[in-house]
Amino acid sequence: MGVYEKMEGENKIAVADLGGSVVTGILGNQLGLLARHLSYTIHTMLDKASKVKQNLYPIIYLGEALETLRKDFSVAMNNEDMSFFDWHLANLEYANAGLL
């Protein structure tokens, strides 16, 4: 039997399994969205670091950078290689709980 915590916020109630204590990938992560929706406190260090980075550098998405490099170096130019390349991109998204 797991350990659970009742969360309340904005007239909404949810129960969370405390087995996972780290939410990786703030953007697009369903746990992060649920926590924000319920006004549940999450650590925002990565959000703050992201804002600083955006002020210092233009936004360059990893997916765009990889696609540019793929084209510039003529990698995965046929359908079979492109399927393999796409598999790796999907694996990166899954492992990091975020969109490229």
PDB file of N, CA and C in Angstrom:
ATOM      1  N   MET A   1       0.842  -1.173   0.000  1.00  0.00           N
ATOM      2  CA  MET A   1       0.000   0.000   0.000  1.00  0.00           C
ATOM      3  C   MET A   1       0.888   1.236   0.000  1.00  0.00           C
ATOM      4  N   GLY A   2       0.560   2.208  -0.867  1.00  0.00           N
ATOM      5  CA  GLY A   2       1.375   3.397  -1.006  1.00  0.00           C
ATOM      6  C   GLY A   2       1.020   4.479  -0.006  1.00  0.00           C
ATOM      7  N   VAL A   3       1.824   5.522  -0.008  1.00  0.00           N
ATOM      8  CA  VAL A   3       1.578   6.688   0.830  1.00  0.00           C
ATOM      9  C   VAL A   3       0.943   7.750  -0.067  1.00  0.00           C
ATOM     10  N   TYR A   4      -0.171   8.320   0.386  1.00  0.00           N
ATOM     11  CA  TYR A   4      -0.901   9.277  -0.420  1.00  0.00           C
ATOM     12  C   TYR A   4      -1.063  10.594   0.323  1.00  0.00           C
ATOM     13  N   GLU A   5      -1.208  11.667  -0.443  1.00  0.00           N
ATOM     14  CA  GLU A   5      -1.452  12.975   0.150  1.00  0.00           C
ATOM     15  C   GLU A   5      -2.649  13.609  -0.539  1.00  0.00           C
ATOM     16  N   LYS A   6      -3.520  14.185   0.254  1.00  0.00           N
ATOM     17  CA  LYS A   6      -4.686  14.892  -0.262  1.00  0.00           C
ATOM     18  C   LYS A   6      -4.265  16.323  -0.591  1.00  0.00           C
ATOM     19  N   MET A   7      -4.572  16.771  -1.818  1.00  0.00           N
ATOM     20  CA  MET A   7      -4.242  18.132  -2.243  1.00  0.00           C
ATOM     21  C   MET A   7      -5.536  18.876  -2.504  1.00  0.00           C
ATOM     22  N   GLU A   8      -5.599  20.115  -2.039  1.00  0.00           N
ATOM     23  CA  GLU A   8      -6.791  20.928  -2.248  1.00  0.00           C
ATOM     24  C   GLU A   8      -6.388  22.299  -2.765  1.00  0.00           C
ATOM     25  N   GLY A   9      -7.212  22.855  -3.626  1.00  0.00           N
ATOM     26  CA  GLY A   9      -6.966  24.189  -4.143  1.00  0.00           C
ATOM     27  C   GLY A   9      -8.081  24.601  -5.068  1.00  0.00           C
ATOM     28  N   GLU A  10      -8.509  25.847  -4.976  1.00  0.00           N
ATOM     29  CA  GLU A  10      -9.548  26.397  -5.850  1.00  0.00           C
ATOM     30  C   GLU A  10     -10.780  25.493  -5.921  1.00  0.00           C
ATOM     31  N   ASN A  11     -11.275  25.067  -4.765  1.00  0.00           N
ATOM     32  CA  ASN A  11     -12.466  24.217  -4.673  1.00  0.00           C
ATOM     33  C   ASN A  11     -12.310  22.866  -5.381  1.00  0.00           C
ATOM     34  N   LYS A  12     -11.089  22.394  -5.514  1.00  0.00           N
ATOM     35  CA  LYS A  12     -10.826  21.101  -6.145  1.00  0.00           C
ATOM     36  C   LYS A  12     -10.028  20.243  -5.177  1.00  0.00           C
ATOM     37  N   ILE A  13     -10.254  18.948  -5.215  1.00  0.00           N
ATOM     38  CA  ILE A  13      -9.542  18.022  -4.345  1.00  0.00           C
ATOM     39  C   ILE A  13      -8.969  16.898  -5.212  1.00  0.00           C
ATOM     40  N   ALA A  14      -7.735  16.514  -4.946  1.00  0.00           N
ATOM     41  CA  ALA A  14      -7.091  15.397  -5.641  1.00  0.00           C
ATOM     42  C   ALA A  14      -6.247  14.637  -4.627  1.00  0.00           C
ATOM     43  N   VAL A  15      -5.984  13.385  -4.929  1.00  0.00           N
ATOM     44  CA  VAL A  15      -5.123  12.566  -4.084  1.00  0.00           C
ATOM     45  C   VAL A  15      -3.927  12.146  -4.932  1.00  0.00           C
ATOM     46  N   ALA A  16      -2.733  12.286  -4.371  1.00  0.00           N
ATOM     47  CA  ALA A  16      -1.512  11.952  -5.100  1.00  0.00           C
ATOM     48  C   ALA A  16      -0.748  10.865  -4.370  1.00  0.00           C
ATOM     49  N   ASP A  17      -0.201   9.931  -5.136  1.00  0.00           N
ATOM     50  CA  ASP A  17       0.697   8.910  -4.606  1.00  0.00           C
ATOM     51  C   ASP A  17       2.038   9.573  -4.393  1.00  0.00           C
ATOM     52  N   LEU A  18       2.594   9.491  -3.212  1.00  0.00           N
ATOM     53  CA  LEU A  18       3.859  10.156  -2.901  1.00  0.00           C
ATOM     54  C   LEU A  18       5.081   9.351  -3.336  1.00  0.00           C
ATOM     55  N   GLY A  19       4.872   8.317  -4.136  1.00  0.00           N
ATOM     56  CA  GLY A  19       6.000   7.523  -4.629  1.00  0.00           C
ATOM     57  C   GLY A  19       6.948   8.346  -5.476  1.00  0.00           C
ATOM     58  N   GLY A  20       6.427   9.273  -6.283  1.00  0.00           N
ATOM     59  CA  GLY A  20       7.262  10.131  -7.110  1.00  0.00           C
ATOM     60  C   GLY A  20       7.367  11.499  -6.484  1.00  0.00           C
ATOM     61  N   SER A  21       8.580  11.972  -6.258  1.00  0.00           N
ATOM     62  CA  SER A  21       8.729  13.268  -5.605  1.00  0.00           C
ATOM     63  C   SER A  21       9.368  14.308  -6.506  1.00  0.00           C
ATOM     64  N   VAL A  22       9.757  13.921  -7.711  1.00  0.00           N
ATOM     65  CA  VAL A  22      10.402  14.856  -8.623  1.00  0.00           C
ATOM     66  C   VAL A  22       9.589  14.915  -9.909  1.00  0.00           C
ATOM     67  N   VAL A  23       9.217  16.120 -10.315  1.00  0.00           N
ATOM     68  CA  VAL A  23       8.538  16.328 -11.582  1.00  0.00           C
ATOM     69  C   VAL A  23       9.593  16.833 -12.553  1.00  0.00           C
ATOM     70  N   THR A  24       9.921  16.022 -13.554  1.00  0.00           N
ATOM     71  CA  THR A  24      10.937  16.421 -14.523  1.00  0.00           C
ATOM     72  C   THR A  24      10.258  17.001 -15.748  1.00  0.00           C
ATOM     73  N   GLY A  25      10.781  18.082 -16.227  1.00  0.00           N
ATOM     74  CA  GLY A  25      10.203  18.724 -17.393  1.00  0.00           C
ATOM     75  C   GLY A  25       8.947  19.488 -17.026  1.00  0.00           C
ATOM     76  N   ILE A  26       9.043  20.771 -16.852  1.00  0.00           N
ATOM     77  CA  ILE A  26       7.913  21.582 -16.420  1.00  0.00           C
ATOM     78  C   ILE A  26       6.892  21.737 -17.546  1.00  0.00           C
ATOM     79  N   LEU A  27       7.339  22.016 -18.763  1.00  0.00           N
ATOM     80  CA  LEU A  27       6.429  22.252 -19.872  1.00  0.00           C
ATOM     81  C   LEU A  27       5.885  20.932 -20.419  1.00  0.00           C
ATOM     82  N   GLY A  28       4.574  20.835 -20.488  1.00  0.00           N
ATOM     83  CA  GLY A  28       3.948  19.657 -21.068  1.00  0.00           C
ATOM     84  C   GLY A  28       3.864  18.454 -20.149  1.00  0.00           C
ATOM     85  N   ASN A  29       4.358  18.549 -18.932  1.00  0.00           N
ATOM     86  CA  ASN A  29       4.305  17.424 -18.002  1.00  0.00           C
ATOM     87  C   ASN A  29       2.966  17.457 -17.272  1.00  0.00           C
ATOM     88  N   GLN A  30       2.223  16.359 -17.355  1.00  0.00           N
ATOM     89  CA  GLN A  30       0.885  16.316 -16.773  1.00  0.00           C
ATOM     90  C   GLN A  30       0.894  16.508 -15.257  1.00  0.00           C
ATOM     91  N   LEU A  31       1.910  16.009 -14.573  1.00  0.00           N
ATOM     92  CA  LEU A  31       1.984  16.210 -13.123  1.00  0.00           C
ATOM     93  C   LEU A  31       2.208  17.675 -12.774  1.00  0.00           C
ATOM     94  N   GLY A  32       3.042  18.340 -13.548  1.00  0.00           N
ATOM     95  CA  GLY A  32       3.267  19.757 -13.334  1.00  0.00           C
ATOM     96  C   GLY A  32       2.011  20.576 -13.603  1.00  0.00           C
ATOM     97  N   LEU A  33       1.283  20.213 -14.674  1.00  0.00           N
ATOM     98  CA  LEU A  33       0.038  20.911 -14.987  1.00  0.00           C
ATOM     99  C   LEU A  33      -0.993  20.712 -13.881  1.00  0.00           C
ATOM    100  N   LEU A  34      -1.092  19.484 -13.382  1.00  0.00           N
ATOM    101  CA  LEU A  34      -2.034  19.190 -12.297  1.00  0.00           C
ATOM    102  C   LEU A  34      -1.669  19.980 -11.042  1.00  0.00           C
ATOM    103  N   ALA A  35      -0.392  20.014 -10.696  1.00  0.00           N
ATOM    104  CA  ALA A  35       0.051  20.738  -9.508  1.00  0.00           C
ATOM    105  C   ALA A  35      -0.285  22.222  -9.625  1.00  0.00           C
ATOM    106  N   ARG A  36      -0.029  22.816 -10.793  1.00  0.00           N
ATOM    107  CA  ARG A  36      -0.347  24.237 -10.982  1.00  0.00           C
ATOM    108  C   ARG A  36      -1.854  24.465 -10.948  1.00  0.00           C
ATOM    109  N   HIS A  37      -2.607  23.567 -11.563  1.00  0.00           N
ATOM    110  CA  HIS A  37      -4.070  23.690 -11.599  1.00  0.00           C
ATOM    111  C   HIS A  37      -4.656  23.665 -10.183  1.00  0.00           C
ATOM    112  N   LEU A  38      -4.070  22.872  -9.322  1.00  0.00           N
ATOM    113  CA  LEU A  38      -4.542  22.758  -7.943  1.00  0.00           C
ATOM    114  C   LEU A  38      -3.861  23.760  -7.011  1.00  0.00           C
ATOM    115  N   SER A  39      -3.047  24.651  -7.591  1.00  0.00           N
ATOM    116  CA  SER A  39      -2.283  25.640  -6.808  1.00  0.00           C
ATOM    117  C   SER A  39      -1.391  24.959  -5.783  1.00  0.00           C
ATOM    118  N   TYR A  40      -0.847  23.803  -6.146  1.00  0.00           N
ATOM    119  CA  TYR A  40       0.043  23.051  -5.269  1.00  0.00           C
ATOM    120  C   TYR A  40       1.460  23.564  -5.474  1.00  0.00           C
ATOM    121  N   THR A  41       2.185  23.782  -4.416  1.00  0.00           N
ATOM    122  CA  THR A  41       3.527  24.350  -4.495  1.00  0.00           C
ATOM    123  C   THR A  41       4.497  23.351  -5.122  1.00  0.00           C
ATOM    124  N   ILE A  42       5.210  23.806  -6.142  1.00  0.00           N
ATOM    125  CA  ILE A  42       6.299  23.024  -6.727  1.00  0.00           C
ATOM    126  C   ILE A  42       7.533  23.920  -6.752  1.00  0.00           C
ATOM    127  N   HIS A  43       8.682  23.307  -6.758  1.00  0.00           N
ATOM    128  CA  HIS A  43       9.919  24.080  -6.816  1.00  0.00           C
ATOM    129  C   HIS A  43      10.028  24.718  -8.193  1.00  0.00           C
ATOM    130  N   THR A  44      10.402  25.958  -8.222  1.00  0.00           N
ATOM    131  CA  THR A  44      10.417  26.698  -9.481  1.00  0.00           C
ATOM    132  C   THR A  44      11.819  27.136  -9.903  1.00  0.00           C
ATOM    133  N   MET A  45      12.842  26.494  -9.393  1.00  0.00           N
ATOM    134  CA  MET A  45      14.208  26.892  -9.742  1.00  0.00           C
ATOM    135  C   MET A  45      14.437  26.780 -11.242  1.00  0.00           C
ATOM    136  N   LEU A  46      13.936  25.715 -11.859  1.00  0.00           N
ATOM    137  CA  LEU A  46      14.146  25.547 -13.292  1.00  0.00           C
ATOM    138  C   LEU A  46      13.399  26.610 -14.083  1.00  0.00           C
ATOM    139  N   ASP A  47      12.202  26.987 -13.617  1.00  0.00           N
ATOM    140  CA  ASP A  47      11.462  28.059 -14.279  1.00  0.00           C
ATOM    141  C   ASP A  47      12.249  29.356 -14.239  1.00  0.00           C
ATOM    142  N   LYS A  48      12.817  29.680 -13.080  1.00  0.00           N
ATOM    143  CA  LYS A  48      13.592  30.916 -12.934  1.00  0.00           C
ATOM    144  C   LYS A  48      14.840  30.877 -13.805  1.00  0.00           C
ATOM    145  N   ALA A  49      15.511  29.743 -13.835  1.00  0.00           N
ATOM    146  CA  ALA A  49      16.707  29.597 -14.677  1.00  0.00           C
ATOM    147  C   ALA A  49      16.333  29.741 -16.151  1.00  0.00           C
ATOM    148  N   SER A  50      15.190  29.210 -16.524  1.00  0.00           N
ATOM    149  CA  SER A  50      14.733  29.311 -17.911  1.00  0.00           C
ATOM    150  C   SER A  50      14.473  30.762 -18.292  1.00  0.00           C
ATOM    151  N   LYS A  51      13.887  31.541 -17.390  1.00  0.00           N
ATOM    152  CA  LYS A  51      13.621  32.960 -17.670  1.00  0.00           C
ATOM    153  C   LYS A  51      14.923  33.738 -17.833  1.00  0.00           C
ATOM    154  N   VAL A  52      15.901  33.443 -17.008  1.00  0.00           N
ATOM    155  CA  VAL A  52      17.210  34.103 -17.137  1.00  0.00           C
ATOM    156  C   VAL A  52      17.832  33.767 -18.477  1.00  0.00           C
ATOM    157  N   LYS A  53      17.779  32.502 -18.853  1.00  0.00           N
ATOM    158  CA  LYS A  53      18.340  32.065 -20.137  1.00  0.00           C
ATOM    159  C   LYS A  53      17.645  32.769 -21.299  1.00  0.00           C
ATOM    160  N   GLN A  54      16.317  32.883 -21.230  1.00  0.00           N
ATOM    161  CA  GLN A  54      15.570  33.538 -22.309  1.00  0.00           C
ATOM    162  C   GLN A  54      15.946  35.002 -22.447  1.00  0.00           C
ATOM    163  N   ASN A  55      16.288  35.645 -21.335  1.00  0.00           N
ATOM    164  CA  ASN A  55      16.711  37.039 -21.396  1.00  0.00           C
ATOM    165  C   ASN A  55      18.110  37.189 -21.982  1.00  0.00           C
ATOM    166  N   LEU A  56      18.926  36.165 -21.834  1.00  0.00           N
ATOM    167  CA  LEU A  56      20.314  36.232 -22.310  1.00  0.00           C
ATOM    168  C   LEU A  56      20.481  35.727 -23.741  1.00  0.00           C
ATOM    169  N   TYR A  57      19.692  34.740 -24.127  1.00  0.00           N
ATOM    170  CA  TYR A  57      19.858  34.089 -25.420  1.00  0.00           C
ATOM    171  C   TYR A  57      18.524  34.004 -26.142  1.00  0.00           C
ATOM    172  N   PRO A  58      18.549  34.003 -27.467  1.00  0.00           N
ATOM    173  CA  PRO A  58      17.289  33.788 -28.189  1.00  0.00           C
ATOM    174  C   PRO A  58      16.806  32.348 -27.946  1.00  0.00           C
ATOM    175  N   ILE A  59      15.509  32.146 -28.084  1.00  0.00           N
ATOM    176  CA  ILE A  59      14.954  30.807 -27.863  1.00  0.00           C
ATOM    177  C   ILE A  59      15.326  29.910 -29.037  1.00  0.00           C
ATOM    178  N   ILE A  60      16.017  28.835 -28.741  1.00  0.00           N
ATOM    179  CA  ILE A  60      16.362  27.821 -29.732  1.00  0.00           C
ATOM    180  C   ILE A  60      15.885  26.495 -29.161  1.00  0.00           C
ATOM    181  N   TYR A  61      14.924  25.881 -29.824  1.00  0.00           N
ATOM    182  CA  TYR A  61      14.397  24.608 -29.349  1.00  0.00           C
ATOM    183  C   TYR A  61      15.301  23.472 -29.804  1.00  0.00           C
ATOM    184  N   LEU A  62      15.464  22.486 -28.948  1.00  0.00           N
ATOM    185  CA  LEU A  62      16.337  21.357 -29.257  1.00  0.00           C
ATOM    186  C   LEU A  62      15.896  20.663 -30.537  1.00  0.00           C
ATOM    187  N   GLY A  63      14.605  20.481 -30.724  1.00  0.00           N
ATOM    188  CA  GLY A  63      14.105  19.830 -31.941  1.00  0.00           C
ATOM    189  C   GLY A  63      14.519  20.577 -33.201  1.00  0.00           C
ATOM    190  N   GLU A  64      14.422  21.905 -33.160  1.00  0.00           N
ATOM    191  CA  GLU A  64      14.828  22.725 -34.314  1.00  0.00           C
ATOM    192  C   GLU A  64      16.331  22.613 -34.563  1.00  0.00           C
ATOM    193  N   ALA A  65      17.109  22.637 -33.482  1.00  0.00           N
ATOM    194  CA  ALA A  65      18.562  22.531 -33.620  1.00  0.00           C
ATOM    195  C   ALA A  65      18.957  21.185 -34.214  1.00  0.00           C
ATOM    196  N   LEU A  66      18.335  20.107 -33.733  1.00  0.00           N
ATOM    197  CA  LEU A  66      18.650  18.779 -34.264  1.00  0.00           C
ATOM    198  C   LEU A  66      18.247  18.645 -35.725  1.00  0.00           C
ATOM    199  N   GLU A  67      17.102  19.205 -36.085  1.00  0.00           N
ATOM    200  CA  GLU A  67      16.653  19.141 -37.487  1.00  0.00           C
ATOM    201  C   GLU A  67      17.595  19.932 -38.396  1.00  0.00           C
ATOM    202  N   THR A  68      18.052  21.098 -37.935  1.00  0.00           N
ATOM    203  CA  THR A  68      19.006  21.891 -38.720  1.00  0.00           C
ATOM    204  C   THR A  68      20.309  21.126 -38.909  1.00  0.00           C
ATOM    205  N   LEU A  69      20.827  20.541 -37.835  1.00  0.00           N
ATOM    206  CA  LEU A  69      22.066  19.759 -37.936  1.00  0.00           C
ATOM    207  C   LEU A  69      21.886  18.556 -38.843  1.00  0.00           C
ATOM    208  N   ARG A  70      20.727  17.892 -38.746  1.00  0.00           N
ATOM    209  CA  ARG A  70      20.451  16.721 -39.597  1.00  0.00           C
ATOM    210  C   ARG A  70      20.528  17.112 -41.069  1.00  0.00           C
ATOM    211  N   LYS A  71      19.926  18.246 -41.408  1.00  0.00           N
ATOM    212  CA  LYS A  71      19.940  18.700 -42.804  1.00  0.00           C
ATOM    213  C   LYS A  71      21.327  19.175 -43.228  1.00  0.00           C
ATOM    214  N   ASP A  72      21.997  19.950 -42.371  1.00  0.00           N
ATOM    215  CA  ASP A  72      23.320  20.502 -42.710  1.00  0.00           C
ATOM    216  C   ASP A  72      24.351  19.410 -42.944  1.00  0.00           C
ATOM    217  N   PHE A  73      24.243  18.298 -42.207  1.00  0.00           N
ATOM    218  CA  PHE A  73      25.217  17.215 -42.335  1.00  0.00           C
ATOM    219  C   PHE A  73      24.675  16.036 -43.137  1.00  0.00           C
ATOM    220  N   SER A  74      23.526  16.247 -43.787  1.00  0.00           N
ATOM    221  CA  SER A  74      22.904  15.220 -44.646  1.00  0.00           C
ATOM    222  C   SER A  74      22.765  13.877 -43.937  1.00  0.00           C
ATOM    223  N   VAL A  75      22.220  13.912 -42.738  1.00  0.00           N
ATOM    224  CA  VAL A  75      21.993  12.703 -41.947  1.00  0.00           C
ATOM    225  C   VAL A  75      20.521  12.318 -42.081  1.00  0.00           C
ATOM    226  N   ALA A  76      20.252  11.015 -42.126  1.00  0.00           N
ATOM    227  CA  ALA A  76      18.887  10.485 -42.183  1.00  0.00           C
ATOM    228  C   ALA A  76      18.131  11.067 -43.370  1.00  0.00           C
ATOM    229  N   MET A  77      18.697  10.881 -44.553  1.00  0.00           N
ATOM    230  CA  MET A  77      18.067  11.440 -45.749  1.00  0.00           C
ATOM    231  C   MET A  77      17.101  10.465 -46.426  1.00  0.00           C
ATOM    232  N   ASN A  78      17.138   9.176 -46.072  1.00  0.00           N
ATOM    233  CA  ASN A  78      16.169   8.241 -46.644  1.00  0.00           C
ATOM    234  C   ASN A  78      15.125   7.874 -45.584  1.00  0.00           C
ATOM    235  N   ASN A  79      14.043   7.223 -46.004  1.00  0.00           N
ATOM    236  CA  ASN A  79      12.926   6.925 -45.097  1.00  0.00           C
ATOM    237  C   ASN A  79      13.330   6.038 -43.931  1.00  0.00           C
ATOM    238  N   GLU A  80      14.155   5.030 -44.165  1.00  0.00           N
ATOM    239  CA  GLU A  80      14.556   4.115 -43.100  1.00  0.00           C
ATOM    240  C   GLU A  80      15.376   4.851 -42.032  1.00  0.00           C
ATOM    241  N   ASP A  81      16.351   5.651 -42.470  1.00  0.00           N
ATOM    242  CA  ASP A  81      17.168   6.408 -41.520  1.00  0.00           C
ATOM    243  C   ASP A  81      16.340   7.468 -40.796  1.00  0.00           C
ATOM    244  N   MET A  82      15.386   8.077 -41.506  1.00  0.00           N
ATOM    245  CA  MET A  82      14.546   9.093 -40.885  1.00  0.00           C
ATOM    246  C   MET A  82      13.664   8.479 -39.802  1.00  0.00           C
ATOM    247  N   SER A  83      13.169   7.268 -40.022  1.00  0.00           N
ATOM    248  CA  SER A  83      12.366   6.577 -39.005  1.00  0.00           C
ATOM    249  C   SER A  83      13.202   6.331 -37.752  1.00  0.00           C
ATOM    250  N   PHE A  84      14.460   5.933 -37.951  1.00  0.00           N
ATOM    251  CA  PHE A  84      15.367   5.697 -36.833  1.00  0.00           C
ATOM    252  C   PHE A  84      15.656   7.005 -36.091  1.00  0.00           C
ATOM    253  N   PHE A  85      15.879   8.088 -36.827  1.00  0.00           N
ATOM    254  CA  PHE A  85      16.127   9.407 -36.244  1.00  0.00           C
ATOM    255  C   PHE A  85      14.905   9.870 -35.442  1.00  0.00           C
ATOM    256  N   ASP A  86      13.710   9.717 -36.013  1.00  0.00           N
ATOM    257  CA  ASP A  86      12.476  10.095 -35.325  1.00  0.00           C
ATOM    258  C   ASP A  86      12.290   9.294 -34.039  1.00  0.00           C
ATOM    259  N   TRP A  87      12.682   8.005 -34.073  1.00  0.00           N
ATOM    260  CA  TRP A  87      12.580   7.177 -32.868  1.00  0.00           C
ATOM    261  C   TRP A  87      13.440   7.774 -31.753  1.00  0.00           C
ATOM    262  N   HIS A  88      14.642   8.206 -32.090  1.00  0.00           N
ATOM    263  CA  HIS A  88      15.524   8.806 -31.085  1.00  0.00           C
ATOM    264  C   HIS A  88      14.940  10.117 -30.535  1.00  0.00           C
ATOM    265  N   LEU A  89      14.335  10.914 -31.407  1.00  0.00           N
ATOM    266  CA  LEU A  89      13.716  12.154 -30.942  1.00  0.00           C
ATOM    267  C   LEU A  89      12.559  11.860 -29.990  1.00  0.00           C
ATOM    268  N   ALA A  90      11.730  10.875 -30.339  1.00  0.00           N
ATOM    269  CA  ALA A  90      10.616  10.498 -29.473  1.00  0.00           C
ATOM    270  C   ALA A  90      11.127   9.971 -28.136  1.00  0.00           C
ATOM    271  N   ASN A  91      12.216   9.226 -28.161  1.00  0.00           N
ATOM    272  CA  ASN A  91      12.812   8.700 -26.944  1.00  0.00           C
ATOM    273  C   ASN A  91      13.326   9.840 -26.052  1.00  0.00           C
ATOM    274  N   LEU A  92      13.908  10.873 -26.646  1.00  0.00           N
ATOM    275  CA  LEU A  92      14.358  12.038 -25.879  1.00  0.00           C
ATOM    276  C   LEU A  92      13.166  12.734 -25.211  1.00  0.00           C
ATOM    277  N   GLU A  93      12.081  12.882 -25.954  1.00  0.00           N
ATOM    278  CA  GLU A  93      10.900  13.525 -25.385  1.00  0.00           C
ATOM    279  C   GLU A  93      10.359  12.708 -24.219  1.00  0.00           C
ATOM    280  N   TYR A  94      10.285  11.398 -24.392  1.00  0.00           N
ATOM    281  CA  TYR A  94       9.753  10.532 -23.342  1.00  0.00           C
ATOM    282  C   TYR A  94      10.647  10.570 -22.098  1.00  0.00           C
ATOM    283  N   ALA A  95      11.956  10.430 -22.317  1.00  0.00           N
ATOM    284  CA  ALA A  95      12.893  10.373 -21.192  1.00  0.00           C
ATOM    285  C   ALA A  95      12.932  11.678 -20.404  1.00  0.00           C
ATOM    286  N   ASN A  96      12.673  12.803 -21.086  1.00  0.00           N
ATOM    287  CA  ASN A  96      12.755  14.105 -20.427  1.00  0.00           C
ATOM    288  C   ASN A  96      11.391  14.720 -20.130  1.00  0.00           C
ATOM    289  N   ALA A  97      10.351  13.967 -20.412  1.00  0.00           N
ATOM    290  CA  ALA A  97       8.976  14.424 -20.136  1.00  0.00           C
ATOM    291  C   ALA A  97       8.733  15.825 -20.687  1.00  0.00           C
ATOM    292  N   GLY A  98       9.174  16.058 -21.913  1.00  0.00           N
ATOM    293  CA  GLY A  98       8.984  17.362 -22.501  1.00  0.00           C
ATOM    294  C   GLY A  98       8.985  17.283 -24.006  1.00  0.00           C
ATOM    295  N   LEU A  99       8.586  18.366 -24.613  1.00  0.00           N
ATOM    296  CA  LEU A  99       8.552  18.443 -26.074  1.00  0.00           C
ATOM    297  C   LEU A  99       9.862  19.005 -26.603  1.00  0.00           C
ATOM    298  N   LEU A 100      10.302  18.469 -27.741  1.00  0.00           N
ATOM    299  CA  LEU A 100      11.499  19.008 -28.382  1.00  0.00           C
ATOM    300  C   LEU A 100      11.164  20.251 -29.159  1.00  0.00           C
TER     301      LEU A 100
END
